[in-house]
Protein backbone atom coordinates (compact mmCIF):
# COMPACT_ATOMS: atom_id res chain seq x y z
CA MET A 1 -15.37 -75.55 -18.67
CA SER A 2 -17.88 -73.13 -20.31
CA ALA A 3 -18.92 -70.11 -19.25
CA LEU A 4 -22.66 -71.38 -18.94
CA HIS A 5 -21.18 -74.02 -16.62
CA ALA A 6 -19.36 -71.60 -14.58
CA ILE A 7 -22.27 -69.52 -13.87
CA VAL A 8 -24.70 -72.34 -12.74
CA LEU A 9 -22.06 -73.22 -10.31
CA GLY A 10 -21.45 -69.58 -9.38
CA ILE A 11 -25.51 -69.41 -8.77
CA LEU A 12 -25.24 -72.62 -7.00
CA GLN A 13 -22.49 -71.44 -4.68
CA GLY A 14 -24.44 -68.22 -4.01
CA LEU A 15 -27.56 -69.68 -2.75
CA GLY A 16 -25.77 -72.85 -0.85
CA GLU A 17 -22.99 -70.97 0.83
CA PHE A 18 -26.06 -68.91 2.86
CA LEU A 19 -28.71 -71.39 2.94
CA PRO A 20 -28.23 -74.02 5.38
CA ILE A 21 -28.00 -76.86 2.31
CA SER A 22 -24.18 -77.05 1.37
CA SER A 23 -22.61 -75.01 -1.79
CA SER A 24 -20.06 -77.70 -1.91
CA GLY A 25 -22.04 -80.38 -1.86
CA HIS A 26 -24.14 -79.03 -4.78
CA LEU A 27 -20.50 -77.86 -6.62
CA ILE A 28 -19.94 -81.85 -6.29
CA VAL A 29 -22.60 -83.40 -6.94
CA VAL A 30 -24.58 -81.31 -9.61
CA PRO A 31 -21.60 -81.73 -12.41
CA TRP A 32 -21.36 -85.43 -11.44
CA LEU A 33 -25.34 -85.55 -11.89
CA LEU A 34 -24.96 -84.10 -15.60
CA GLY A 35 -21.83 -85.52 -16.56
CA TRP A 36 -19.76 -82.68 -16.22
CA ASP A 37 -16.11 -82.55 -15.52
CA ASP A 38 -15.15 -81.97 -11.56
CA SER A 39 -14.44 -78.01 -11.64
CA GLY A 40 -12.12 -79.02 -8.45
CA LEU A 41 -11.24 -77.33 -4.84
CA ALA A 42 -9.51 -74.28 -6.07
CA PHE A 43 -12.18 -73.13 -8.65
CA ASP A 44 -14.95 -73.84 -5.81
CA VAL A 45 -12.60 -71.69 -3.42
CA ALA A 46 -12.73 -68.86 -6.41
CA LEU A 47 -16.72 -68.86 -6.43
CA HIS A 48 -16.42 -68.26 -2.42
CA VAL A 49 -14.50 -64.85 -3.50
CA GLY A 50 -17.83 -64.37 -5.16
CA THR A 51 -19.75 -65.18 -1.90
CA LEU A 52 -17.08 -63.00 0.33
CA VAL A 53 -18.14 -60.40 -1.98
CA ALA A 54 -21.77 -60.95 -1.14
CA VAL A 55 -21.61 -61.04 2.65
CA ALA A 56 -18.94 -57.77 2.93
CA LEU A 57 -21.60 -55.82 1.16
CA ALA A 58 -24.76 -57.35 3.40
CA PHE A 59 -22.66 -56.76 6.15
CA TRP A 60 -20.50 -54.01 6.04
CA ARG A 61 -21.79 -51.49 8.37
CA ASP A 62 -21.63 -54.49 10.79
CA TRP A 63 -18.16 -55.06 9.99
CA LEU A 64 -17.24 -51.31 10.40
CA ARG A 65 -19.15 -50.65 13.64
CA LEU A 66 -16.92 -54.27 15.07
CA LEU A 67 -13.63 -52.62 13.70
CA GLN A 68 -14.39 -49.25 15.25
CA GLY A 69 -15.04 -51.35 18.79
CA GLY A 70 -12.00 -53.30 18.59
CA VAL A 71 -10.08 -49.97 17.96
CA ARG A 72 -11.95 -48.20 21.31
CA GLY A 73 -11.32 -51.58 22.76
CA LEU A 74 -7.66 -51.83 22.13
CA PHE A 75 -7.01 -48.16 23.09
CA SER A 76 -9.15 -48.14 26.15
CA GLY A 77 -7.59 -51.67 27.50
CA ARG A 78 -11.05 -52.84 28.00
CA LEU A 79 -11.41 -55.28 25.01
CA LEU A 80 -14.11 -57.37 26.64
CA ALA A 81 -16.50 -54.34 28.05
CA ASP A 82 -17.15 -53.08 24.89
CA PRO A 83 -19.79 -55.35 23.24
CA ASP A 84 -18.67 -54.56 19.75
CA ALA A 85 -15.27 -55.44 20.58
CA ARG A 86 -15.81 -58.81 22.16
CA LEU A 87 -17.92 -59.77 19.44
CA LEU A 88 -15.56 -59.25 17.22
CA LEU A 89 -12.70 -60.90 19.50
CA TYR A 90 -15.36 -63.50 19.37
CA LEU A 91 -15.72 -63.84 15.71
CA ALA A 92 -11.51 -64.62 15.44
CA LEU A 93 -11.33 -67.01 17.97
CA ALA A 94 -14.80 -68.99 16.32
CA THR A 95 -12.73 -68.82 12.70
CA VAL A 96 -9.48 -70.62 14.50
CA PRO A 97 -10.95 -74.47 14.40
CA GLY A 98 -12.31 -73.84 10.59
CA ALA A 99 -8.67 -72.64 9.63
CA LEU A 100 -6.71 -75.60 11.73
CA ALA A 101 -9.67 -78.19 9.78
CA GLY A 102 -8.50 -76.56 6.01
CA VAL A 103 -4.96 -76.77 6.80
CA LEU A 104 -4.64 -79.75 8.40
CA LEU A 105 -7.52 -82.29 6.22
CA ASP A 106 -6.64 -79.70 3.05
CA GLU A 107 -5.60 -83.24 1.12
CA TRP A 108 -8.94 -85.01 2.04
CA ALA A 109 -10.80 -81.85 1.02
CA GLU A 110 -9.21 -82.37 -2.51
CA THR A 111 -9.61 -86.11 -2.69
CA VAL A 112 -11.77 -87.99 -0.31
CA PHE A 113 -14.21 -85.45 0.63
CA ARG A 114 -15.12 -84.92 -3.11
CA ALA A 115 -17.26 -88.44 -3.26
CA PRO A 116 -21.07 -88.03 -4.04
CA GLY A 117 -21.69 -90.83 -1.84
CA LEU A 118 -20.28 -89.22 1.47
CA VAL A 119 -22.34 -85.78 0.05
CA ALA A 120 -25.31 -87.24 0.23
CA LEU A 121 -24.50 -88.82 3.81
CA MET A 122 -23.71 -85.71 5.24
CA MET A 123 -26.47 -84.05 3.42
CA ALA A 124 -29.19 -86.34 5.42
CA LEU A 125 -27.08 -86.30 8.56
CA MET A 126 -26.79 -82.41 8.87
CA GLY A 127 -30.63 -82.85 7.75
CA ALA A 128 -31.70 -84.20 10.69
CA VAL A 129 -29.37 -82.54 13.16
CA LEU A 130 -30.91 -79.23 11.82
CA TRP A 131 -34.40 -80.07 12.18
CA ALA A 132 -33.49 -81.06 15.70
CA ALA A 133 -31.71 -77.83 16.58
CA ASP A 134 -34.70 -75.78 15.04
CA ARG A 135 -36.78 -77.25 17.82
CA LYS A 136 -34.35 -75.80 20.26
CA ALA A 137 -34.72 -72.00 19.00
CA GLY A 138 -34.34 -69.55 21.57
CA ALA A 139 -36.73 -66.83 22.03
CA GLY A 140 -34.66 -63.68 22.36
CA ALA A 141 -31.04 -64.06 22.44
CA GLY A 142 -28.96 -62.14 19.88
CA ASP A 143 -25.13 -61.77 19.43
CA GLU A 144 -25.26 -59.33 22.46
CA SER A 145 -25.68 -62.48 24.57
CA LEU A 146 -23.15 -64.63 22.69
CA SER A 147 -20.20 -65.93 25.20
CA LEU A 148 -17.20 -67.23 24.32
CA ARG A 149 -18.71 -70.91 25.12
CA ASP A 150 -21.00 -70.38 22.28
CA ALA A 151 -18.16 -68.90 19.78
CA LEU A 152 -15.87 -71.39 20.23
CA LEU A 153 -18.54 -74.24 19.80
CA ILE A 154 -19.96 -72.55 16.62
CA GLY A 155 -16.26 -72.39 15.62
CA LEU A 156 -15.96 -76.03 16.06
CA ALA A 157 -19.16 -76.97 14.07
CA GLN A 158 -17.81 -74.60 11.25
CA ALA A 159 -14.63 -76.96 11.41
CA VAL A 160 -16.98 -79.90 10.56
CA ALA A 161 -17.94 -78.39 7.23
CA ILE A 162 -14.92 -78.90 5.55
CA VAL A 163 -16.51 -82.30 4.51
CA PRO A 164 -19.21 -81.25 1.68
CA GLY A 165 -22.37 -81.54 2.39
CA THR A 166 -22.21 -80.47 5.93
CA SER A 167 -23.11 -77.17 5.16
CA ARG A 168 -20.96 -74.20 6.89
CA SER A 169 -23.84 -72.17 7.50
CA GLY A 170 -25.97 -75.51 8.36
CA ALA A 171 -23.41 -76.38 10.83
CA THR A 172 -22.86 -72.62 12.77
CA ILE A 173 -26.69 -72.46 12.55
CA SER A 174 -27.63 -75.49 14.16
CA ALA A 175 -24.50 -75.26 16.82
CA ALA A 176 -26.08 -71.81 17.74
CA LEU A 177 -29.82 -72.85 17.73
CA PHE A 178 -28.78 -75.86 20.36
CA LEU A 179 -27.09 -73.30 21.89
CA GLY A 180 -30.40 -71.17 22.33
CA HIS A 181 -30.19 -68.63 20.13
CA LYS A 182 -33.09 -67.34 18.43
CA ARG A 183 -33.22 -68.01 14.15
CA GLU A 184 -32.23 -65.01 12.81
CA ALA A 185 -29.41 -64.09 15.39
CA ALA A 186 -28.23 -67.49 14.53
CA ALA A 187 -28.24 -66.99 10.99
CA ARG A 188 -26.69 -63.48 11.64
CA PHE A 189 -23.61 -64.86 13.35
CA SER A 190 -23.10 -67.27 10.77
CA PHE A 191 -23.06 -64.75 8.11
CA LEU A 192 -20.33 -62.87 9.72
CA LEU A 193 -18.27 -65.66 10.27
CA ALA A 194 -18.17 -66.38 6.58
CA LEU A 195 -15.87 -63.58 5.99
CA PRO A 196 -12.88 -64.35 7.88
CA ILE A 197 -12.96 -68.10 6.82
CA THR A 198 -14.10 -67.62 3.20
CA ALA A 199 -11.17 -64.79 2.85
CA GLY A 200 -8.49 -66.97 4.17
CA ALA A 201 -9.61 -69.96 1.96
CA ALA A 202 -9.56 -67.32 -1.14
CA LEU A 203 -5.84 -66.10 -0.10
CA VAL A 204 -4.47 -69.94 -0.09
CA LYS A 205 -6.31 -71.38 -3.08
CA VAL A 206 -6.97 -68.51 -5.42
CA PRO A 207 -3.47 -67.35 -6.28
CA ALA A 208 -2.62 -70.62 -7.67
CA LEU A 209 -5.74 -70.93 -9.49
CA LEU A 210 -4.85 -67.55 -11.45
CA ARG A 211 -1.19 -68.81 -12.05
CA SER A 212 -2.50 -71.99 -13.73
CA GLY A 213 -3.11 -70.96 -17.10
CA ALA A 214 -7.08 -71.65 -16.61
CA ASP A 215 -9.04 -69.42 -18.81
CA LYS A 216 -9.96 -66.56 -16.34
CA GLY A 217 -13.29 -65.92 -17.95
CA PRO A 218 -15.82 -68.41 -16.88
CA VAL A 219 -14.25 -68.10 -13.00
CA LEU A 220 -14.73 -64.17 -13.40
CA LEU A 221 -18.64 -65.07 -14.28
CA GLY A 222 -18.98 -67.65 -11.97
CA MET A 223 -17.57 -64.96 -8.83
CA ALA A 224 -20.21 -62.86 -10.47
CA ALA A 225 -22.68 -65.09 -10.69
CA ALA A 226 -22.15 -66.65 -6.78
CA ALA A 227 -21.97 -62.58 -5.52
CA VAL A 228 -25.11 -61.66 -6.88
CA PHE A 229 -26.92 -64.72 -5.70
CA GLY A 230 -25.04 -64.61 -2.23
CA VAL A 231 -26.48 -60.95 -1.89
CA LEU A 232 -30.21 -63.02 -2.66
CA SER A 233 -29.79 -65.81 0.01
CA ILE A 234 -28.73 -63.66 2.69
CA ARG A 235 -31.76 -61.15 2.21
CA LEU A 236 -34.21 -64.21 1.95
CA LEU A 237 -32.97 -66.58 4.47
CA LEU A 238 -32.80 -63.40 6.96
CA GLY A 239 -36.15 -62.44 6.36
CA TYR A 240 -37.84 -66.05 6.00
CA VAL A 241 -35.97 -66.94 9.48
CA ARG A 242 -38.08 -64.00 11.48
CA THR A 243 -41.24 -65.81 11.35
CA ARG A 244 -40.25 -69.69 10.29
CA THR A 245 -38.40 -72.09 10.98
CA TYR A 246 -35.46 -74.09 9.23
CA VAL A 247 -37.33 -77.12 8.49
CA PRO A 248 -38.05 -76.80 4.67
CA PHE A 249 -33.87 -76.85 4.28
CA ALA A 250 -33.75 -80.03 6.05
CA ILE A 251 -36.61 -81.77 4.00
CA TYR A 252 -34.69 -80.36 1.19
CA ARG A 253 -31.46 -82.23 2.53
CA PHE A 254 -33.20 -85.46 2.74
CA ALA A 255 -34.75 -85.28 -0.81
CA PHE A 256 -31.14 -84.15 -2.32
CA ALA A 257 -30.08 -87.46 -0.31
CA ALA A 258 -32.34 -89.78 -1.53
CA LEU A 259 -31.64 -88.60 -4.99
CA VAL A 260 -28.14 -89.26 -5.22
CA TRP A 261 -28.42 -92.45 -3.41
CA GLY A 262 -30.89 -93.47 -6.04
CA VAL A 263 -28.76 -92.31 -8.88
CA LEU A 264 -25.86 -94.38 -7.38
CA LEU A 265 -27.88 -97.60 -7.06
CA LEU A 266 -28.99 -97.26 -10.85
CA ARG A 267 -25.45 -96.62 -12.00
């Protein structure tokens, strides 16, 4: 893989991981459209390390507060009484479905799920879901009102995102919107939830990639591009949804799916 290809894919990863447009779908379809070799799931996960850095930089104060709350809750013996400790626990529980899906469907994620036609189908389906969910967005519910049921349902939605084209952020944001949370709160919880699931996937996949003997230069360039554009996309989305809807992202998903299906028909 050339350095240019790695940087382009890193930019797509950084933007697509946090905007509800599916980073994995773009990492599969864009090389296919341009005639590049498939970079493979391990490289895609390596790019996720870049977005892991991005979400850690963007939310380090939040995570520090949550971890301090967790320590307070443990020492006081009232874990659920402290709102920060409770949110930390909910984030941990919400990560479980996605982690199980990653373990159980790992082989399919490497092969069957990396088909452009399937990506296009999921892009369109999730676009419809996001459009419908946006109409259900609440007026004032935030992290403080998140229930255990909400966290588990959002975690189940994250598990579905193992299928490329679904979008991890799109699935989790849609679930939060359906549950009545406001647009910005849905995005913030989705971004916080990105850190543990991404860290777990990276711990499993990246060491094998580094041991494979592949050129590390393009991988590092791709990760750096993903980190920079990840921070930008987080700030963009949080600022955007304070006053606007998710509808343009749904429309983009429909257009992307139509492009893929059009190319499939022509080929």
